[in-house]
Amino acid sequence: MDSSYLIKIFDCQITEEHAYIMMELCEEGSLRKFMKENGAIPEKKALEIIFQIAQGLYVLHNRLKITHRDLKPDNILRSEGIYKIADFGLSTTKSYFTGNCGTPVYMAPELHKN
Protein backbone atom coordinates (compact mmCIF):
# COMPACT_ATOMS: atom_id res chain seq x y z
CA MET A 1 0.00 0.00 0.00
CA ASP A 2 1.58 3.25 -1.08
CA SER A 3 1.03 6.51 0.75
CA SER A 4 3.13 9.61 0.32
CA TYR A 5 2.41 10.51 3.95
CA LEU A 6 3.81 7.38 5.59
CA ILE A 7 7.52 6.64 5.94
CA LYS A 8 8.54 3.91 3.52
CA ILE A 9 10.33 0.80 4.78
CA PHE A 10 12.47 -0.90 2.16
CA ASP A 11 14.01 -3.81 4.02
CA CYS A 12 14.36 -5.38 7.44
CA GLN A 13 17.08 -7.72 8.71
CA ILE A 14 16.94 -9.39 12.12
CA THR A 15 19.92 -10.98 13.83
CA GLU A 16 20.20 -12.53 17.28
CA GLU A 17 21.36 -9.18 18.68
CA HIS A 18 19.82 -6.45 16.51
CA ALA A 19 17.05 -5.53 14.12
CA TYR A 20 18.05 -3.40 11.13
CA ILE A 21 15.39 -1.41 9.32
CA MET A 22 16.20 0.30 6.02
CA MET A 23 13.75 3.13 5.55
CA GLU A 24 13.29 6.26 3.53
CA LEU A 25 15.73 9.06 4.32
CA CYS A 26 14.04 12.26 5.49
CA GLU A 27 16.89 14.77 5.50
CA GLU A 28 14.73 17.71 6.57
CA GLY A 29 14.19 16.27 10.04
CA SER A 30 11.09 16.17 12.21
CA LEU A 31 8.11 18.46 12.58
CA ARG A 32 9.41 19.24 16.06
CA LYS A 33 12.70 20.50 14.56
CA PHE A 34 10.76 22.58 12.01
CA MET A 35 8.65 24.18 14.78
CA LYS A 36 11.72 24.87 16.92
CA GLU A 37 13.57 26.54 14.04
CA ASN A 38 10.60 28.54 12.69
CA GLY A 39 8.52 29.38 15.74
CA ALA A 40 4.81 29.92 15.18
CA ILE A 41 3.55 28.26 12.01
CA PRO A 42 1.30 30.42 9.81
CA GLU A 43 -2.27 29.14 9.52
CA LYS A 44 -1.98 28.22 5.82
CA LYS A 45 1.16 26.14 6.46
CA ALA A 46 -0.41 24.52 9.56
CA LEU A 47 -3.44 23.49 7.47
CA GLU A 48 -1.12 21.93 4.87
CA ILE A 49 0.72 19.96 7.57
CA ILE A 50 -2.48 18.78 9.28
CA PHE A 51 -3.95 17.74 5.91
CA GLN A 52 -0.91 15.59 5.13
CA ILE A 53 -0.95 13.96 8.58
CA ALA A 54 -4.70 13.31 8.24
CA GLN A 55 -4.13 11.67 4.85
CA GLY A 56 -1.49 9.39 6.39
CA LEU A 57 -3.79 8.55 9.31
CA TYR A 58 -6.59 7.73 6.89
CA VAL A 59 -4.41 5.10 5.21
CA LEU A 60 -3.24 3.73 8.59
CA HIS A 61 -6.70 3.49 10.16
CA ASN A 62 -9.01 2.71 7.27
CA ARG A 63 -6.90 0.73 4.85
CA LEU A 64 -4.21 -0.91 7.00
CA LYS A 65 -6.25 -1.10 10.25
CA ILE A 66 -3.29 0.19 12.28
CA THR A 67 -3.37 2.54 15.29
CA HIS A 68 -0.11 4.52 15.72
CA ARG A 69 -0.54 5.29 19.49
CA ASP A 70 2.42 7.71 19.71
CA LEU A 71 1.70 10.47 17.23
CA LYS A 72 3.71 13.59 18.11
CA PRO A 73 5.88 16.17 16.29
CA ASP A 74 8.99 14.01 16.83
CA ASN A 75 7.35 11.19 14.83
CA ILE A 76 6.40 13.31 11.84
CA LEU A 77 9.35 13.53 9.45
CA ARG A 78 9.83 15.88 6.48
CA SER A 79 11.17 14.94 3.07
CA GLU A 80 11.04 17.34 0.13
CA GLY A 81 8.36 19.38 1.91
CA ILE A 82 6.11 16.37 2.54
CA TYR A 83 5.28 15.37 6.11
CA LYS A 84 5.37 11.63 6.79
CA ILE A 85 4.25 9.59 9.79
CA ALA A 86 7.10 7.50 11.22
CA ASP A 87 8.07 5.45 14.31
CA PHE A 88 5.57 2.62 14.55
CA GLY A 89 7.14 1.09 17.68
CA LEU A 90 3.92 1.37 19.73
CA SER A 91 1.49 0.78 16.88
CA THR A 92 -0.99 -2.06 16.85
CA THR A 93 -3.88 -3.35 14.82
CA LYS A 94 -7.24 -1.88 15.81
CA SER A 95 -8.57 -5.28 16.81
CA TYR A 96 -5.89 -5.72 19.47
CA PHE A 97 -5.96 -2.23 21.01
CA THR A 98 -5.75 -2.43 24.80
CA GLY A 99 -4.59 -0.03 27.45
CA ASN A 100 -2.99 3.38 27.25
CA CYS A 101 0.45 4.00 25.84
CA GLY A 102 2.41 6.76 24.19
CA THR A 103 4.41 9.77 25.30
CA PRO A 104 2.73 11.16 28.45
CA VAL A 105 3.12 14.85 27.56
CA TYR A 106 1.17 14.25 24.30
CA MET A 107 -1.57 12.06 25.81
CA ALA A 108 -5.07 13.35 26.55
CA PRO A 109 -5.35 14.50 30.19
CA GLU A 110 -8.11 11.99 30.94
CA LEU A 111 -5.72 9.13 30.17
CA HIS A 112 -3.36 10.09 32.99
CA LYS A 113 -4.02 8.31 36.25
CA ASN A 114 -3.28 10.09 39.55
C-alpha atoms as a PDB file:
ATOM      1  CA  MET A   1       0.000   0.000   0.000  1.00  0.00           C
ATOM      2  CA  ASP A   2       1.577   3.249  -1.084  1.00  0.00           C
ATOM      3  CA  SER A   3       1.035   6.513   0.747  1.00  0.00           C
ATOM      4  CA  SER A   4       3.131   9.612   0.320  1.00  0.00           C
ATOM      5  CA  TYR A   5       2.415  10.513   3.952  1.00  0.00           C
ATOM      6  CA  LEU A   6       3.811   7.376   5.595  1.00  0.00           C
ATOM      7  CA  ILE A   7       7.523   6.638   5.945  1.00  0.00           C
ATOM      8  CA  LYS A   8       8.545   3.908   3.522  1.00  0.00           C
ATOM      9  CA  ILE A   9      10.334   0.796   4.781  1.00  0.00           C
ATOM     10  CA  PHE A  10      12.472  -0.898   2.155  1.00  0.00           C
ATOM     11  CA  ASP A  11      14.013  -3.815   4.015  1.00  0.00           C
ATOM     12  CA  CYS A  12      14.357  -5.385   7.442  1.00  0.00           C
ATOM     13  CA  GLN A  13      17.075  -7.721   8.713  1.00  0.00           C
ATOM     14  CA  ILE A  14      16.937  -9.391  12.118  1.00  0.00           C
ATOM     15  CA  THR A  15      19.921 -10.979  13.826  1.00  0.00           C
ATOM     16  CA  GLU A  16      20.200 -12.529  17.278  1.00  0.00           C
ATOM     17  CA  GLU A  17      21.363  -9.182  18.685  1.00  0.00           C
ATOM     18  CA  HIS A  18      19.819  -6.454  16.509  1.00  0.00           C
ATOM     19  CA  ALA A  19      17.047  -5.532  14.119  1.00  0.00           C
ATOM     20  CA  TYR A  20      18.053  -3.396  11.134  1.00  0.00           C
ATOM     21  CA  ILE A  21      15.392  -1.409   9.322  1.00  0.00           C
ATOM     22  CA  MET A  22      16.203   0.296   6.019  1.00  0.00           C
ATOM     23  CA  MET A  23      13.750   3.132   5.554  1.00  0.00           C
ATOM     24  CA  GLU A  24      13.291   6.256   3.528  1.00  0.00           C
ATOM     25  CA  LEU A  25      15.734   9.059   4.322  1.00  0.00           C
ATOM     26  CA  CYS A  26      14.044  12.259   5.487  1.00  0.00           C
ATOM     27  CA  GLU A  27      16.894  14.768   5.501  1.00  0.00           C
ATOM     28  CA  GLU A  28      14.727  17.712   6.568  1.00  0.00           C
ATOM     29  CA  GLY A  29      14.186  16.270  10.040  1.00  0.00           C
ATOM     30  CA  SER A  30      11.091  16.171  12.211  1.00  0.00           C
ATOM     31  CA  LEU A  31       8.107  18.465  12.580  1.00  0.00           C
ATOM     32  CA  ARG A  32       9.413  19.240  16.062  1.00  0.00           C
ATOM     33  CA  LYS A  33      12.702  20.501  14.559  1.00  0.00           C
ATOM     34  CA  PHE A  34      10.765  22.579  12.013  1.00  0.00           C
ATOM     35  CA  MET A  35       8.653  24.179  14.777  1.00  0.00           C
ATOM     36  CA  LYS A  36      11.724  24.866  16.917  1.00  0.00           C
ATOM     37  CA  GLU A  37      13.574  26.542  14.036  1.00  0.00           C
ATOM     38  CA  ASN A  38      10.599  28.539  12.687  1.00  0.00           C
ATOM     39  CA  GLY A  39       8.517  29.379  15.739  1.00  0.00           C
ATOM     40  CA  ALA A  40       4.806  29.925  15.175  1.00  0.00           C
ATOM     41  CA  ILE A  41       3.555  28.259  12.012  1.00  0.00           C
ATOM     42  CA  PRO A  42       1.305  30.421   9.809  1.00  0.00           C
ATOM     43  CA  GLU A  43      -2.272  29.139   9.516  1.00  0.00           C
ATOM     44  CA  LYS A  44      -1.977  28.221   5.820  1.00  0.00           C
ATOM     45  CA  LYS A  45       1.162  26.139   6.458  1.00  0.00           C
ATOM     46  CA  ALA A  46      -0.410  24.519   9.556  1.00  0.00           C
ATOM     47  CA  LEU A  47      -3.435  23.487   7.466  1.00  0.00           C
ATOM     48  CA  GLU A  48      -1.123  21.930   4.873  1.00  0.00           C
ATOM     49  CA  ILE A  49       0.719  19.960   7.568  1.00  0.00           C
ATOM     50  CA  ILE A  50      -2.477  18.781   9.275  1.00  0.00           C
ATOM     51  CA  PHE A  51      -3.951  17.736   5.910  1.00  0.00           C
ATOM     52  CA  GLN A  52      -0.912  15.586   5.131  1.00  0.00           C
ATOM     53  CA  ILE A  53      -0.954  13.964   8.578  1.00  0.00           C
ATOM     54  CA  ALA A  54      -4.698  13.313   8.238  1.00  0.00           C
ATOM     55  CA  GLN A  55      -4.126  11.669   4.847  1.00  0.00           C
ATOM     56  CA  GLY A  56      -1.495   9.390   6.393  1.00  0.00           C
ATOM     57  CA  LEU A  57      -3.792   8.550   9.311  1.00  0.00           C
ATOM     58  CA  TYR A  58      -6.592   7.727   6.892  1.00  0.00           C
ATOM     59  CA  VAL A  59      -4.411   5.097   5.208  1.00  0.00           C
ATOM     60  CA  LEU A  60      -3.237   3.734   8.586  1.00  0.00           C
ATOM     61  CA  HIS A  61      -6.700   3.492  10.155  1.00  0.00           C
ATOM     62  CA  ASN A  62      -9.011   2.708   7.268  1.00  0.00           C
ATOM     63  CA  ARG A  63      -6.896   0.732   4.845  1.00  0.00           C
ATOM     64  CA  LEU A  64      -4.214  -0.908   6.999  1.00  0.00           C
ATOM     65  CA  LYS A  65      -6.246  -1.103  10.251  1.00  0.00           C
ATOM     66  CA  ILE A  66      -3.286   0.193  12.285  1.00  0.00           C
ATOM     67  CA  THR A  67      -3.369   2.543  15.287  1.00  0.00           C
ATOM     68  CA  HIS A  68      -0.113   4.521  15.724  1.00  0.00           C
ATOM     69  CA  ARG A  69      -0.542   5.286  19.486  1.00  0.00           C
ATOM     70  CA  ASP A  70       2.418   7.708  19.713  1.00  0.00           C
ATOM     71  CA  LEU A  71       1.697  10.474  17.229  1.00  0.00           C
ATOM     72  CA  LYS A  72       3.708  13.592  18.109  1.00  0.00           C
ATOM     73  CA  PRO A  73       5.875  16.168  16.289  1.00  0.00           C
ATOM     74  CA  ASP A  74       8.987  14.008  16.833  1.00  0.00           C
ATOM     75  CA  ASN A  75       7.355  11.185  14.835  1.00  0.00           C
ATOM     76  CA  ILE A  76       6.398  13.308  11.841  1.00  0.00           C
ATOM     77  CA  LEU A  77       9.347  13.530   9.447  1.00  0.00           C
ATOM     78  CA  ARG A  78       9.831  15.876   6.479  1.00  0.00           C
ATOM     79  CA  SER A  79      11.169  14.943   3.071  1.00  0.00           C
ATOM     80  CA  GLU A  80      11.037  17.339   0.130  1.00  0.00           C
ATOM     81  CA  GLY A  81       8.357  19.384   1.908  1.00  0.00           C
ATOM     82  CA  ILE A  82       6.113  16.367   2.536  1.00  0.00           C
ATOM     83  CA  TYR A  83       5.277  15.369   6.108  1.00  0.00           C
ATOM     84  CA  LYS A  84       5.368  11.633   6.794  1.00  0.00           C
ATOM     85  CA  ILE A  85       4.250   9.592   9.788  1.00  0.00           C
ATOM     86  CA  ALA A  86       7.101   7.502  11.224  1.00  0.00           C
ATOM     87  CA  ASP A  87       8.067   5.448  14.306  1.00  0.00           C
ATOM     88  CA  PHE A  88       5.565   2.620  14.554  1.00  0.00           C
ATOM     89  CA  GLY A  89       7.136   1.091  17.681  1.00  0.00           C
ATOM     90  CA  LEU A  90       3.924   1.372  19.733  1.00  0.00           C
ATOM     91  CA  SER A  91       1.489   0.784  16.884  1.00  0.00           C
ATOM     92  CA  THR A  92      -0.989  -2.063  16.854  1.00  0.00           C
ATOM     93  CA  THR A  93      -3.884  -3.347  14.823  1.00  0.00           C
ATOM     94  CA  LYS A  94      -7.236  -1.882  15.811  1.00  0.00           C
ATOM     95  CA  SER A  95      -8.574  -5.278  16.811  1.00  0.00           C
ATOM     96  CA  TYR A  96      -5.887  -5.723  19.475  1.00  0.00           C
ATOM     97  CA  PHE A  97      -5.956  -2.235  21.006  1.00  0.00           C
ATOM     98  CA  THR A  98      -5.749  -2.435  24.797  1.00  0.00           C
ATOM     99  CA  GLY A  99      -4.586  -0.026  27.450  1.00  0.00           C
ATOM    100  CA  ASN A 100      -2.988   3.384  27.248  1.00  0.00           C
ATOM    101  CA  CYS A 101       0.455   3.996  25.837  1.00  0.00           C
ATOM    102  CA  GLY A 102       2.409   6.763  24.193  1.00  0.00           C
ATOM    103  CA  THR A 103       4.412   9.771  25.299  1.00  0.00           C
ATOM    104  CA  PRO A 104       2.725  11.165  28.452  1.00  0.00           C
ATOM    105  CA  VAL A 105       3.115  14.854  27.559  1.00  0.00           C
ATOM    106  CA  TYR A 106       1.172  14.250  24.305  1.00  0.00           C
ATOM    107  CA  MET A 107      -1.568  12.062  25.815  1.00  0.00           C
ATOM    108  CA  ALA A 108      -5.071  13.347  26.554  1.00  0.00           C
ATOM    109  CA  PRO A 109      -5.353  14.502  30.185  1.00  0.00           C
ATOM    110  CA  GLU A 110      -8.112  11.994  30.942  1.00  0.00           C
ATOM    111  CA  LEU A 111      -5.724   9.129  30.172  1.00  0.00           C
ATOM    112  CA  HIS A 112      -3.362  10.087  32.993  1.00  0.00           C
ATOM    113  CA  LYS A 113      -4.019   8.310  36.254  1.00  0.00           C
ATOM    114  CA  ASN A 114      -3.280  10.086  39.549  1.00  0.00           C
END
